[in-house]
Amino acid sequence: MRRLFVILGVLALAAPAASVAGKRDPSDGTLSVRGGRGTFTVNGKGVIIGSFVHGKVLITDPIDGDGTGPIVSGDDWHKDRDDKTTVYGGTKVRFRLVGGTFRVRVVGTGVNLSVVGKGQVTLHGAGTADDGSYSVNGEPYADVPDLSQFALSASSP
């Protein structure tokens, strides 16, 4: 039942994101991470929606006005690193950026990410027995590896 609520929550967040983002570029790739434990970095352009149970997220929005900018809720604390980068932390944090260029690095447990766009991805599991799972471009879910880096696009492996 909990999984159903999580899926419905992500879909509820994705509907407004899809309407703002407009048409999807056919060369966009997709990434889904569920129940992740470790460090997950996406440096790209498109849409990212995420949450985590415990940890922090570093969000860099380098170009003002090219998307929604970071929308974050549930954070216990935040700290501006500079005028383009903010770190948010706590428990049960949710965030999204719709449209535009971004760099998002999540360090935590219970990490869930949904990404549509193009860019560079780094998955760095914590090295535990269960670091979660991920899927690229609708492929079957696989265990989060100790370390994997790849380009996200429609032709990603």
C-alpha atoms as a PDB file:
ATOM      1  CA  MET A   1       0.000   0.000   0.000  1.00  0.00           C
ATOM      2  CA  ARG A   2       2.861   2.380   0.822  1.00  0.00           C
ATOM      3  CA  ARG A   3       4.390   1.776  -2.623  1.00  0.00           C
ATOM      4  CA  LEU A   4       1.062   2.713  -4.234  1.00  0.00           C
ATOM      5  CA  PHE A   5       1.022   6.034  -2.366  1.00  0.00           C
ATOM      6  CA  VAL A   6       4.602   6.767  -3.418  1.00  0.00           C
ATOM      7  CA  ILE A   7       3.769   6.061  -7.068  1.00  0.00           C
ATOM      8  CA  LEU A   8       0.638   8.214  -6.898  1.00  0.00           C
ATOM      9  CA  GLY A   9       2.638  10.999  -5.241  1.00  0.00           C
ATOM     10  CA  VAL A  10       5.268  10.962  -7.983  1.00  0.00           C
ATOM     11  CA  LEU A  11       2.563  10.972 -10.652  1.00  0.00           C
ATOM     12  CA  ALA A  12       0.847  13.910  -8.946  1.00  0.00           C
ATOM     13  CA  LEU A  13       4.119  15.844  -9.068  1.00  0.00           C
ATOM     14  CA  ALA A  14       4.830  14.794 -12.644  1.00  0.00           C
ATOM     15  CA  ALA A  15       1.514  16.000 -14.102  1.00  0.00           C
ATOM     16  CA  PRO A  16       2.163  19.713 -13.474  1.00  0.00           C
ATOM     17  CA  ALA A  17       5.792  19.234 -14.493  1.00  0.00           C
ATOM     18  CA  ALA A  18       4.760  17.733 -17.805  1.00  0.00           C
ATOM     19  CA  SER A  19       2.396  20.599 -18.545  1.00  0.00           C
ATOM     20  CA  VAL A  20       5.107  23.192 -17.838  1.00  0.00           C
ATOM     21  CA  ALA A  21       7.794  21.346 -19.745  1.00  0.00           C
ATOM     22  CA  GLY A  22       5.799  21.146 -22.959  1.00  0.00           C
ATOM     23  CA  LYS A  23       6.721  18.636 -25.639  1.00  0.00           C
ATOM     24  CA  ARG A  24       9.378  16.098 -24.835  1.00  0.00           C
ATOM     25  CA  ASP A  25      12.420  16.099 -27.091  1.00  0.00           C
ATOM     26  CA  PRO A  26      12.677  12.677 -28.786  1.00  0.00           C
ATOM     27  CA  SER A  27      16.379  12.543 -27.863  1.00  0.00           C
ATOM     28  CA  ASP A  28      15.597  12.864 -24.123  1.00  0.00           C
ATOM     29  CA  GLY A  29      16.416   9.916 -21.944  1.00  0.00           C
ATOM     30  CA  THR A  30      14.751   8.796 -18.722  1.00  0.00           C
ATOM     31  CA  LEU A  31      16.188   7.743 -15.393  1.00  0.00           C
ATOM     32  CA  SER A  32      14.366   6.295 -12.419  1.00  0.00           C
ATOM     33  CA  VAL A  33      15.992   5.566  -9.058  1.00  0.00           C
ATOM     34  CA  ARG A  34      13.998   3.956  -6.264  1.00  0.00           C
ATOM     35  CA  GLY A  35      15.006   3.319  -2.685  1.00  0.00           C
ATOM     36  CA  GLY A  36      18.565   4.478  -3.322  1.00  0.00           C
ATOM     37  CA  ARG A  37      21.316   4.652  -0.730  1.00  0.00           C
ATOM     38  CA  GLY A  38      24.452   6.599  -1.643  1.00  0.00           C
ATOM     39  CA  THR A  39      25.261   9.588  -3.844  1.00  0.00           C
ATOM     40  CA  PHE A  40      23.326  10.317  -7.031  1.00  0.00           C
ATOM     41  CA  THR A  41      24.323  13.159  -9.372  1.00  0.00           C
ATOM     42  CA  VAL A  42      22.534  14.453 -12.464  1.00  0.00           C
ATOM     43  CA  ASN A  43      24.100  17.275 -14.451  1.00  0.00           C
ATOM     44  CA  GLY A  44      21.657  17.971 -17.223  1.00  0.00           C
ATOM     45  CA  LYS A  45      18.782  19.762 -18.854  1.00  0.00           C
ATOM     46  CA  GLY A  46      15.142  18.742 -18.566  1.00  0.00           C
ATOM     47  CA  VAL A  47      13.007  17.729 -15.586  1.00  0.00           C
ATOM     48  CA  ILE A  48      14.009  16.148 -12.276  1.00  0.00           C
ATOM     49  CA  ILE A  49      11.658  15.185  -9.472  1.00  0.00           C
ATOM     50  CA  GLY A  50      13.043  13.587  -6.342  1.00  0.00           C
ATOM     51  CA  SER A  51      12.725  12.771  -2.690  1.00  0.00           C
ATOM     52  CA  PHE A  52      14.716  11.142   0.065  1.00  0.00           C
ATOM     53  CA  VAL A  53      14.050   9.798   3.530  1.00  0.00           C
ATOM     54  CA  HIS A  54      17.208  11.189   5.124  1.00  0.00           C
ATOM     55  CA  GLY A  55      20.094  13.174   3.660  1.00  0.00           C
ATOM     56  CA  LYS A  56      20.830  16.311   1.702  1.00  0.00           C
ATOM     57  CA  VAL A  57      20.508  17.626  -1.821  1.00  0.00           C
ATOM     58  CA  LEU A  58      22.817  20.161  -3.438  1.00  0.00           C
ATOM     59  CA  ILE A  59      21.016  22.015  -6.243  1.00  0.00           C
ATOM     60  CA  THR A  60      22.770  24.289  -8.723  1.00  0.00           C
ATOM     61  CA  ASP A  61      20.587  26.297 -11.105  1.00  0.00           C
ATOM     62  CA  PRO A  62      23.182  28.055 -13.303  1.00  0.00           C
ATOM     63  CA  ILE A  63      20.824  29.957 -15.626  1.00  0.00           C
ATOM     64  CA  ASP A  64      18.143  32.158 -14.073  1.00  0.00           C
ATOM     65  CA  GLY A  65      14.763  31.974 -15.770  1.00  0.00           C
ATOM     66  CA  ASP A  66      15.378  28.940 -17.996  1.00  0.00           C
ATOM     67  CA  GLY A  67      13.046  26.755 -15.902  1.00  0.00           C
ATOM     68  CA  THR A  68      11.116  26.798 -12.657  1.00  0.00           C
ATOM     69  CA  GLY A  69      14.187  26.905 -10.483  1.00  0.00           C
ATOM     70  CA  PRO A  70      14.363  24.625  -7.453  1.00  0.00           C
ATOM     71  CA  ILE A  71      11.113  23.867  -5.649  1.00  0.00           C
ATOM     72  CA  VAL A  72      11.882  22.156  -2.334  1.00  0.00           C
ATOM     73  CA  SER A  73       9.626  21.111   0.544  1.00  0.00           C
ATOM     74  CA  GLY A  74      10.098  19.265   3.814  1.00  0.00           C
ATOM     75  CA  ASP A  75      13.680  20.422   4.370  1.00  0.00           C
ATOM     76  CA  ASP A  76      14.817  20.876   7.977  1.00  0.00           C
ATOM     77  CA  TRP A  77      17.577  23.272   6.955  1.00  0.00           C
ATOM     78  CA  HIS A  78      19.133  24.923   3.927  1.00  0.00           C
ATOM     79  CA  LYS A  79      22.287  26.874   3.225  1.00  0.00           C
ATOM     80  CA  ASP A  80      23.165  29.030   0.220  1.00  0.00           C
ATOM     81  CA  ARG A  81      26.625  28.217  -1.122  1.00  0.00           C
ATOM     82  CA  ASP A  82      26.440  31.058  -3.630  1.00  0.00           C
ATOM     83  CA  ASP A  83      23.766  32.813  -5.693  1.00  0.00           C
ATOM     84  CA  LYS A  84      23.230  29.716  -7.869  1.00  0.00           C
ATOM     85  CA  THR A  85      23.742  26.802  -5.440  1.00  0.00           C
ATOM     86  CA  THR A  86      21.804  25.819  -2.315  1.00  0.00           C
ATOM     87  CA  VAL A  87      22.061  22.744  -0.062  1.00  0.00           C
ATOM     88  CA  TYR A  88      18.863  21.433   1.545  1.00  0.00           C
ATOM     89  CA  GLY A  89      18.815  18.717   4.190  1.00  0.00           C
ATOM     90  CA  GLY A  90      16.667  16.774   6.574  1.00  0.00           C
ATOM     91  CA  THR A  91      14.150  13.968   6.532  1.00  0.00           C
ATOM     92  CA  LYS A  92      11.369  13.377   4.021  1.00  0.00           C
ATOM     93  CA  VAL A  93      12.582  16.107   1.655  1.00  0.00           C
ATOM     94  CA  ARG A  94      11.017  16.527  -1.800  1.00  0.00           C
ATOM     95  CA  PHE A  95      12.318  18.633  -4.682  1.00  0.00           C
ATOM     96  CA  ARG A  96      11.845  19.342  -8.358  1.00  0.00           C
ATOM     97  CA  LEU A  97      13.226  21.433 -11.182  1.00  0.00           C
ATOM     98  CA  VAL A  98      11.205  21.674 -14.361  1.00  0.00           C
ATOM     99  CA  GLY A  99      12.838  22.808 -17.567  1.00  0.00           C
ATOM    100  CA  GLY A 100      16.224  24.383 -17.865  1.00  0.00           C
ATOM    101  CA  THR A 101      19.735  23.383 -16.915  1.00  0.00           C
ATOM    102  CA  PHE A 102      20.589  22.027 -13.468  1.00  0.00           C
ATOM    103  CA  ARG A 103      23.072  20.068 -11.384  1.00  0.00           C
ATOM    104  CA  VAL A 104      21.561  17.987  -8.591  1.00  0.00           C
ATOM    105  CA  ARG A 105      23.554  15.849  -6.171  1.00  0.00           C
ATOM    106  CA  VAL A 106      21.632  13.818  -3.585  1.00  0.00           C
ATOM    107  CA  VAL A 107      23.444  12.114  -0.709  1.00  0.00           C
ATOM    108  CA  GLY A 108      21.125  10.019   1.386  1.00  0.00           C
ATOM    109  CA  THR A 109      18.918   7.048   2.031  1.00  0.00           C
ATOM    110  CA  GLY A 110      15.528   6.255   0.550  1.00  0.00           C
ATOM    111  CA  VAL A 111      16.392   8.289  -2.556  1.00  0.00           C
ATOM    112  CA  ASN A 112      13.790   8.335  -5.332  1.00  0.00           C
ATOM    113  CA  LEU A 113      14.470  10.189  -8.586  1.00  0.00           C
ATOM    114  CA  SER A 114      12.617  10.622 -11.855  1.00  0.00           C
ATOM    115  CA  VAL A 115      14.517  12.398 -14.636  1.00  0.00           C
ATOM    116  CA  VAL A 116      13.566  13.208 -18.214  1.00  0.00           C
ATOM    117  CA  GLY A 117      16.185  14.984 -20.290  1.00  0.00           C
ATOM    118  CA  LYS A 118      19.804  14.888 -21.377  1.00  0.00           C
ATOM    119  CA  GLY A 119      23.009  15.074 -19.383  1.00  0.00           C
ATOM    120  CA  GLN A 120      25.561  13.210 -17.306  1.00  0.00           C
ATOM    121  CA  VAL A 121      24.625  10.821 -14.494  1.00  0.00           C
ATOM    122  CA  THR A 122      26.724   9.370 -11.700  1.00  0.00           C
ATOM    123  CA  LEU A 123      25.318   6.620  -9.469  1.00  0.00           C
ATOM    124  CA  HIS A 124      27.482   5.820  -6.460  1.00  0.00           C
ATOM    125  CA  GLY A 125      25.914   3.247  -4.175  1.00  0.00           C
ATOM    126  CA  ALA A 126      26.884   3.210  -0.503  1.00  0.00           C
ATOM    127  CA  GLY A 127      28.213  -0.355  -0.808  1.00  0.00           C
ATOM    128  CA  THR A 128      25.517  -1.934   1.345  1.00  0.00           C
ATOM    129  CA  ALA A 129      23.543  -5.077   0.569  1.00  0.00           C
ATOM    130  CA  ASP A 130      20.634  -2.972  -0.717  1.00  0.00           C
ATOM    131  CA  ASP A 131      21.535   0.357  -2.336  1.00  0.00           C
ATOM    132  CA  GLY A 132      18.257   0.482  -4.250  1.00  0.00           C
ATOM    133  CA  SER A 133      17.562   0.055  -7.939  1.00  0.00           C
ATOM    134  CA  TYR A 134      17.582   2.125 -11.118  1.00  0.00           C
ATOM    135  CA  SER A 135      16.253   2.026 -14.661  1.00  0.00           C
ATOM    136  CA  VAL A 136      17.361   3.922 -17.755  1.00  0.00           C
ATOM    137  CA  ASN A 137      15.003   4.488 -20.683  1.00  0.00           C
ATOM    138  CA  GLY A 138      12.407   2.026 -19.438  1.00  0.00           C
ATOM    139  CA  GLU A 139      14.778  -0.922 -19.197  1.00  0.00           C
ATOM    140  CA  PRO A 140      14.255  -3.396 -16.339  1.00  0.00           C
ATOM    141  CA  TYR A 141      15.420  -2.195 -12.927  1.00  0.00           C
ATOM    142  CA  ALA A 142      18.925  -3.181 -11.826  1.00  0.00           C
ATOM    143  CA  ASP A 143      20.761  -2.841  -8.518  1.00  0.00           C
ATOM    144  CA  VAL A 144      22.465   0.502  -7.939  1.00  0.00           C
ATOM    145  CA  PRO A 145      26.176  -0.161  -8.579  1.00  0.00           C
ATOM    146  CA  ASP A 146      29.107   0.879  -6.429  1.00  0.00           C
ATOM    147  CA  LEU A 147      29.941   3.401  -9.167  1.00  0.00           C
ATOM    148  CA  SER A 148      28.528   4.067 -12.628  1.00  0.00           C
ATOM    149  CA  GLN A 149      28.788   7.115 -14.888  1.00  0.00           C
ATOM    150  CA  PHE A 150      26.925   7.527 -18.164  1.00  0.00           C
ATOM    151  CA  ALA A 151      25.374  10.032 -20.547  1.00  0.00           C
ATOM    152  CA  LEU A 152      21.601  10.228 -20.346  1.00  0.00           C
ATOM    153  CA  SER A 153      19.815  10.417 -23.688  1.00  0.00           C
ATOM    154  CA  ALA A 154      17.348   8.350 -25.692  1.00  0.00           C
ATOM    155  CA  SER A 155      20.253   6.162 -26.845  1.00  0.00           C
ATOM    156  CA  SER A 156      21.640   5.496 -23.335  1.00  0.00           C
ATOM    157  CA  PRO A 157      22.293   1.852 -22.527  1.00  0.00           C
END
